[in-house]
Amino acid sequence: MIKVTLKLTSAAPYSQSKHYEVPKKEKESAADYEERTWRERLHVTEDGEVFIPPMALKNCLAEAAKYLSEQIKGKGKATYTKHFEAGVLVMDALMLGVKKDAVKGEKLFVPADGKRGGSKRVWKFFPVIPKWEAVATVWILDQTITRSVFERHIRQAGRFIGMGRFRPRNNGIYGRFDAEIVAWEEAE
């Protein structure tokens, strides 16, 4: 098993859109409710620090492998996709060092049902972190994934897949990042 320590640095702002349920105050308008609660779209620790869920990075890598469909030498038409899906694990949140209350939002006129092309639109606020950094630990359980294969995939994942709301994979531009391998070590 390989333990990879990565330093991720933003190449674009990062935004989240976590589902939340906060009770509406009596006689509170939809606009007032939105303005009061929009920061609830963030993933935060108990002390209010914003983080990227570990599965966001894992899924980003798996999507990159699927998109690249790079064939494994000597294995015919087999690609790395299933190896990244089943043989890579990210268990710890990627801490951003930003407190929930310090995050600014952007106001967008979006489809009320959340689906592109929806006929009814409403104003919503979404949290945006303009510049960010995080340290991530990635566990590689599958020996088919070598350092050079991992480097290619994480580089493309950061450039073309991204993480969070409005990422390239979902026709956006946010959530892109550069990744530097800080450590690559054998682990038990």
C-alpha atoms as a PDB file:
ATOM      1  CA  MET A   1       0.000   0.000   0.000  1.00  0.00           C
ATOM      2  CA  ILE A   2       1.227   3.493  -0.851  1.00  0.00           C
ATOM      3  CA  LYS A   3       0.529   6.616   1.180  1.00  0.00           C
ATOM      4  CA  VAL A   4       0.602   9.762  -0.956  1.00  0.00           C
ATOM      5  CA  THR A   5       0.642  13.211   0.613  1.00  0.00           C
ATOM      6  CA  LEU A   6      -0.528  15.922  -1.762  1.00  0.00           C
ATOM      7  CA  LYS A   7      -0.519  19.685  -1.554  1.00  0.00           C
ATOM      8  CA  LEU A   8      -3.450  21.045  -3.540  1.00  0.00           C
ATOM      9  CA  THR A   9      -3.372  24.697  -4.584  1.00  0.00           C
ATOM     10  CA  SER A  10      -6.286  26.476  -6.207  1.00  0.00           C
ATOM     11  CA  ALA A  11      -6.207  27.205  -9.916  1.00  0.00           C
ATOM     12  CA  ALA A  12      -9.756  28.590  -9.626  1.00  0.00           C
ATOM     13  CA  PRO A  13     -12.194  29.547  -6.851  1.00  0.00           C
ATOM     14  CA  TYR A  14     -13.929  26.754  -4.934  1.00  0.00           C
ATOM     15  CA  SER A  15     -17.645  26.620  -4.141  1.00  0.00           C
ATOM     16  CA  GLN A  16     -19.942  24.175  -2.371  1.00  0.00           C
ATOM     17  CA  SER A  17     -23.677  23.473  -2.585  1.00  0.00           C
ATOM     18  CA  LYS A  18     -24.405  20.972   0.184  1.00  0.00           C
ATOM     19  CA  HIS A  19     -28.089  20.268   0.767  1.00  0.00           C
ATOM     20  CA  TYR A  20     -29.349  21.663   4.050  1.00  0.00           C
ATOM     21  CA  GLU A  21     -32.545  21.955   6.023  1.00  0.00           C
ATOM     22  CA  VAL A  22     -32.905  24.883   8.385  1.00  0.00           C
ATOM     23  CA  PRO A  23     -36.366  25.762   9.703  1.00  0.00           C
ATOM     24  CA  LYS A  24     -37.868  28.904   8.261  1.00  0.00           C
ATOM     25  CA  LYS A  25     -38.724  31.649  10.724  1.00  0.00           C
ATOM     26  CA  GLU A  26     -42.321  32.697  11.080  1.00  0.00           C
ATOM     27  CA  LYS A  27     -43.321  35.142   8.294  1.00  0.00           C
ATOM     28  CA  GLU A  28     -39.819  34.930   6.777  1.00  0.00           C
ATOM     29  CA  SER A  29     -39.760  35.460   3.021  1.00  0.00           C
ATOM     30  CA  ALA A  30     -37.931  33.049   0.723  1.00  0.00           C
ATOM     31  CA  ALA A  31     -35.395  35.799  -0.072  1.00  0.00           C
ATOM     32  CA  ASP A  32     -34.754  36.530   3.611  1.00  0.00           C
ATOM     33  CA  TYR A  33     -34.416  32.795   4.342  1.00  0.00           C
ATOM     34  CA  GLU A  34     -31.878  32.432   1.522  1.00  0.00           C
ATOM     35  CA  GLU A  35     -29.852  35.396   2.725  1.00  0.00           C
ATOM     36  CA  ARG A  36     -29.866  34.112   6.324  1.00  0.00           C
ATOM     37  CA  THR A  37     -28.971  30.471   5.590  1.00  0.00           C
ATOM     38  CA  TRP A  38     -26.792  30.283   2.440  1.00  0.00           C
ATOM     39  CA  ARG A  39     -23.600  29.511   4.389  1.00  0.00           C
ATOM     40  CA  GLU A  40     -25.233  26.217   5.394  1.00  0.00           C
ATOM     41  CA  ARG A  41     -24.249  25.017   1.906  1.00  0.00           C
ATOM     42  CA  LEU A  42     -20.686  24.696   3.234  1.00  0.00           C
ATOM     43  CA  HIS A  43     -19.186  21.535   4.711  1.00  0.00           C
ATOM     44  CA  VAL A  44     -17.827  22.598   8.119  1.00  0.00           C
ATOM     45  CA  THR A  45     -16.368  21.041  11.247  1.00  0.00           C
ATOM     46  CA  GLU A  46     -17.944  21.545  14.662  1.00  0.00           C
ATOM     47  CA  ASP A  47     -15.717  24.586  15.219  1.00  0.00           C
ATOM     48  CA  GLY A  48     -16.750  26.121  11.874  1.00  0.00           C
ATOM     49  CA  GLU A  49     -13.746  25.356   9.649  1.00  0.00           C
ATOM     50  CA  VAL A  50     -14.621  24.701   6.016  1.00  0.00           C
ATOM     51  CA  PHE A  51     -13.431  21.441   4.483  1.00  0.00           C
ATOM     52  CA  ILE A  52     -13.617  19.514   1.231  1.00  0.00           C
ATOM     53  CA  PRO A  53     -15.188  16.083   1.816  1.00  0.00           C
ATOM     54  CA  PRO A  54     -12.703  13.247   1.208  1.00  0.00           C
ATOM     55  CA  MET A  55     -14.967  11.603  -1.365  1.00  0.00           C
ATOM     56  CA  ALA A  56     -14.768  14.749  -3.520  1.00  0.00           C
ATOM     57  CA  LEU A  57     -11.078  14.103  -4.205  1.00  0.00           C
ATOM     58  CA  LYS A  58     -11.550  10.338  -4.580  1.00  0.00           C
ATOM     59  CA  ASN A  59     -14.404  10.840  -7.059  1.00  0.00           C
ATOM     60  CA  CYS A  60     -12.383  13.503  -8.876  1.00  0.00           C
ATOM     61  CA  LEU A  61      -9.579  10.975  -9.436  1.00  0.00           C
ATOM     62  CA  ALA A  62     -11.999   8.233 -10.500  1.00  0.00           C
ATOM     63  CA  GLU A  63     -13.702  10.603 -12.966  1.00  0.00           C
ATOM     64  CA  ALA A  64     -10.315  11.577 -14.406  1.00  0.00           C
ATOM     65  CA  ALA A  65      -9.420   7.905 -14.905  1.00  0.00           C
ATOM     66  CA  LYS A  66     -12.754   7.296 -16.601  1.00  0.00           C
ATOM     67  CA  TYR A  67     -12.359  10.358 -18.815  1.00  0.00           C
ATOM     68  CA  LEU A  68      -8.744   9.614 -19.790  1.00  0.00           C
ATOM     69  CA  SER A  69      -9.400   5.895 -20.394  1.00  0.00           C
ATOM     70  CA  GLU A  70      -5.656   5.337 -20.456  1.00  0.00           C
ATOM     71  CA  GLN A  71      -4.867   1.741 -21.361  1.00  0.00           C
ATOM     72  CA  ILE A  72      -2.637  -0.384 -19.124  1.00  0.00           C
ATOM     73  CA  LYS A  73       0.428  -1.596 -21.016  1.00  0.00           C
ATOM     74  CA  GLY A  74       0.359  -5.351 -21.529  1.00  0.00           C
ATOM     75  CA  LYS A  75      -3.314  -5.682 -20.498  1.00  0.00           C
ATOM     76  CA  GLY A  76      -4.988  -5.337 -23.897  1.00  0.00           C
ATOM     77  CA  LYS A  77      -7.829  -2.807 -23.858  1.00  0.00           C
ATOM     78  CA  ALA A  78      -8.011  -2.646 -20.034  1.00  0.00           C
ATOM     79  CA  THR A  79      -7.870   0.882 -18.590  1.00  0.00           C
ATOM     80  CA  TYR A  80      -7.014   2.301 -15.159  1.00  0.00           C
ATOM     81  CA  THR A  81     -10.626   3.274 -14.432  1.00  0.00           C
ATOM     82  CA  LYS A  82     -11.555   0.323 -12.199  1.00  0.00           C
ATOM     83  CA  HIS A  83      -8.189   0.539 -10.446  1.00  0.00           C
ATOM     84  CA  PHE A  84      -8.830   4.166  -9.432  1.00  0.00           C
ATOM     85  CA  GLU A  85     -12.445   3.415  -8.491  1.00  0.00           C
ATOM     86  CA  ALA A  86     -11.644   0.455  -6.226  1.00  0.00           C
ATOM     87  CA  GLY A  87      -7.955   0.841  -5.420  1.00  0.00           C
ATOM     88  CA  VAL A  88      -7.732   4.432  -4.185  1.00  0.00           C
ATOM     89  CA  LEU A  89      -8.976   5.755  -0.878  1.00  0.00           C
ATOM     90  CA  VAL A  90      -9.165   9.222   0.674  1.00  0.00           C
ATOM     91  CA  MET A  91     -10.300   9.042   4.287  1.00  0.00           C
ATOM     92  CA  ASP A  92      -9.612  12.463   5.767  1.00  0.00           C
ATOM     93  CA  ALA A  93     -11.297  15.773   5.057  1.00  0.00           C
ATOM     94  CA  LEU A  94      -9.238  18.358   3.198  1.00  0.00           C
ATOM     95  CA  MET A  95      -9.101  21.264   5.639  1.00  0.00           C
ATOM     96  CA  LEU A  96      -9.136  24.699   4.017  1.00  0.00           C
ATOM     97  CA  GLY A  97      -8.172  26.834   7.022  1.00  0.00           C
ATOM     98  CA  VAL A  98     -11.148  29.130   6.422  1.00  0.00           C
ATOM     99  CA  LYS A  99     -13.946  29.767   8.890  1.00  0.00           C
ATOM    100  CA  LYS A 100     -17.558  29.540   7.720  1.00  0.00           C
ATOM    101  CA  ASP A 101     -18.360  33.117   8.775  1.00  0.00           C
ATOM    102  CA  ALA A 102     -15.452  34.512   6.720  1.00  0.00           C
ATOM    103  CA  VAL A 103     -16.682  32.988   3.436  1.00  0.00           C
ATOM    104  CA  LYS A 104     -18.232  35.407   0.972  1.00  0.00           C
ATOM    105  CA  GLY A 105     -21.046  34.445  -1.369  1.00  0.00           C
ATOM    106  CA  GLU A 106     -22.109  35.084  -4.925  1.00  0.00           C
ATOM    107  CA  LYS A 107     -25.715  35.781  -5.828  1.00  0.00           C
ATOM    108  CA  LEU A 108     -26.931  33.875  -8.881  1.00  0.00           C
ATOM    109  CA  PHE A 109     -30.250  33.656 -10.738  1.00  0.00           C
ATOM    110  CA  VAL A 110     -30.642  29.882 -10.980  1.00  0.00           C
ATOM    111  CA  PRO A 111     -33.382  27.387 -11.902  1.00  0.00           C
ATOM    112  CA  ALA A 112     -35.697  26.872  -8.916  1.00  0.00           C
ATOM    113  CA  ASP A 113     -35.605  23.081  -9.307  1.00  0.00           C
ATOM    114  CA  GLY A 114     -31.789  22.991  -9.663  1.00  0.00           C
ATOM    115  CA  LYS A 115     -31.937  21.525 -13.171  1.00  0.00           C
ATOM    116  CA  ARG A 116     -30.331  23.276 -16.108  1.00  0.00           C
ATOM    117  CA  GLY A 117     -32.898  24.840 -18.401  1.00  0.00           C
ATOM    118  CA  GLY A 118     -35.602  25.052 -15.732  1.00  0.00           C
ATOM    119  CA  SER A 119     -38.307  27.582 -16.595  1.00  0.00           C
ATOM    120  CA  LYS A 120     -38.712  29.166 -13.158  1.00  0.00           C
ATOM    121  CA  ARG A 121     -35.655  30.935 -11.751  1.00  0.00           C
ATOM    122  CA  VAL A 122     -34.862  32.284  -8.290  1.00  0.00           C
ATOM    123  CA  TRP A 123     -32.019  34.183  -6.625  1.00  0.00           C
ATOM    124  CA  LYS A 124     -29.664  32.005  -4.570  1.00  0.00           C
ATOM    125  CA  PHE A 125     -26.405  32.658  -2.770  1.00  0.00           C
ATOM    126  CA  PHE A 126     -23.509  30.224  -3.058  1.00  0.00           C
ATOM    127  CA  PRO A 127     -20.339  30.307  -0.962  1.00  0.00           C
ATOM    128  CA  VAL A 128     -17.127  30.998  -2.879  1.00  0.00           C
ATOM    129  CA  ILE A 129     -13.552  30.693  -1.643  1.00  0.00           C
ATOM    130  CA  PRO A 130     -11.384  32.616  -4.155  1.00  0.00           C
ATOM    131  CA  LYS A 131      -8.005  31.091  -3.222  1.00  0.00           C
ATOM    132  CA  TRP A 132      -7.467  27.909  -1.267  1.00  0.00           C
ATOM    133  CA  GLU A 133      -4.915  25.277  -0.308  1.00  0.00           C
ATOM    134  CA  ALA A 134      -5.270  21.870   1.285  1.00  0.00           C
ATOM    135  CA  VAL A 135      -3.150  18.889   2.202  1.00  0.00           C
ATOM    136  CA  ALA A 136      -4.609  15.530   1.236  1.00  0.00           C
ATOM    137  CA  THR A 137      -3.620  11.970   2.046  1.00  0.00           C
ATOM    138  CA  VAL A 138      -4.416   9.435  -0.665  1.00  0.00           C
ATOM    139  CA  TRP A 139      -4.046   5.717  -0.039  1.00  0.00           C
ATOM    140  CA  ILE A 140      -3.267   3.597  -3.097  1.00  0.00           C
ATOM    141  CA  LEU A 141      -4.146  -0.041  -2.503  1.00  0.00           C
ATOM    142  CA  ASP A 142      -3.768  -1.181  -6.106  1.00  0.00           C
ATOM    143  CA  GLN A 143      -0.181  -1.730  -7.268  1.00  0.00           C
ATOM    144  CA  THR A 144      -1.236  -1.220 -10.877  1.00  0.00           C
ATOM    145  CA  ILE A 145      -1.252   2.515 -10.114  1.00  0.00           C
ATOM    146  CA  THR A 146       2.382   3.597 -10.274  1.00  0.00           C
ATOM    147  CA  ARG A 147       3.697   7.018  -9.312  1.00  0.00           C
ATOM    148  CA  SER A 148       3.841   8.223 -12.932  1.00  0.00           C
ATOM    149  CA  VAL A 149       0.287   6.965 -13.601  1.00  0.00           C
ATOM    150  CA  PHE A 150      -0.971   8.674 -10.434  1.00  0.00           C
ATOM    151  CA  GLU A 151       0.819  11.934 -11.304  1.00  0.00           C
ATOM    152  CA  ARG A 152      -0.775  12.050 -14.762  1.00  0.00           C
ATOM    153  CA  HIS A 153      -4.231  11.345 -13.370  1.00  0.00           C
ATOM    154  CA  ILE A 154      -4.106  13.820 -10.469  1.00  0.00           C
ATOM    155  CA  ARG A 155      -2.786  16.530 -12.795  1.00  0.00           C
ATOM    156  CA  GLN A 156      -5.657  16.011 -15.261  1.00  0.00           C
ATOM    157  CA  ALA A 157      -8.178  15.641 -12.415  1.00  0.00           C
ATOM    158  CA  GLY A 158      -7.201  19.082 -11.155  1.00  0.00           C
ATOM    159  CA  ARG A 159      -7.279  20.692 -14.585  1.00  0.00           C
ATOM    160  CA  PHE A 160     -10.375  19.159 -16.179  1.00  0.00           C
ATOM    161  CA  ILE A 161     -12.552  17.471 -13.536  1.00  0.00           C
ATOM    162  CA  GLY A 162     -12.289  19.639 -10.397  1.00  0.00           C
ATOM    163  CA  MET A 163     -14.206  19.511  -7.124  1.00  0.00           C
ATOM    164  CA  GLY A 164     -17.248  21.259  -5.703  1.00  0.00           C
ATOM    165  CA  ARG A 165     -20.055  23.237  -7.289  1.00  0.00           C
ATOM    166  CA  PHE A 166     -19.634  24.520 -10.860  1.00  0.00           C
ATOM    167  CA  ARG A 167     -16.588  22.309 -11.529  1.00  0.00           C
ATOM    168  CA  PRO A 168     -15.402  21.568 -15.102  1.00  0.00           C
ATOM    169  CA  ARG A 169     -16.900  18.060 -14.991  1.00  0.00           C
ATOM    170  CA  ASN A 170     -20.301  19.750 -14.587  1.00  0.00           C
ATOM    171  CA  ASN A 171     -19.732  22.437 -17.252  1.00  0.00           C
ATOM    172  CA  GLY A 172     -18.198  24.976 -14.880  1.00  0.00           C
ATOM    173  CA  ILE A 173     -14.826  26.527 -14.115  1.00  0.00           C
ATOM    174  CA  TYR A 174     -14.545  26.412 -10.295  1.00  0.00           C
ATOM    175  CA  GLY A 175     -12.778  23.798  -8.177  1.00  0.00           C
ATOM    176  CA  ARG A 176      -9.729  23.398 -10.408  1.00  0.00           C
ATOM    177  CA  PHE A 177      -6.397  22.820  -8.696  1.00  0.00           C
ATOM    178  CA  ASP A 178      -2.711  22.069  -9.073  1.00  0.00           C
ATOM    179  CA  ALA A 179      -1.367  19.078  -7.155  1.00  0.00           C
ATOM    180  CA  GLU A 180       2.145  18.565  -5.853  1.00  0.00           C
ATOM    181  CA  ILE A 181       3.243  15.207  -4.458  1.00  0.00           C
ATOM    182  CA  VAL A 182       4.891  16.047  -1.146  1.00  0.00           C
ATOM    183  CA  ALA A 183       5.509  12.415  -0.120  1.00  0.00           C
ATOM    184  CA  TRP A 184       5.187   8.987  -1.756  1.00  0.00           C
ATOM    185  CA  GLU A 185       5.866   6.239   0.754  1.00  0.00           C
ATOM    186  CA  GLU A 186       5.254   2.565   1.387  1.00  0.00           C
ATOM    187  CA  ALA A 187       2.834   2.003   4.259  1.00  0.00           C
ATOM    188  CA  GLU A 188       1.469  -0.997   6.119  1.00  0.00           C
END
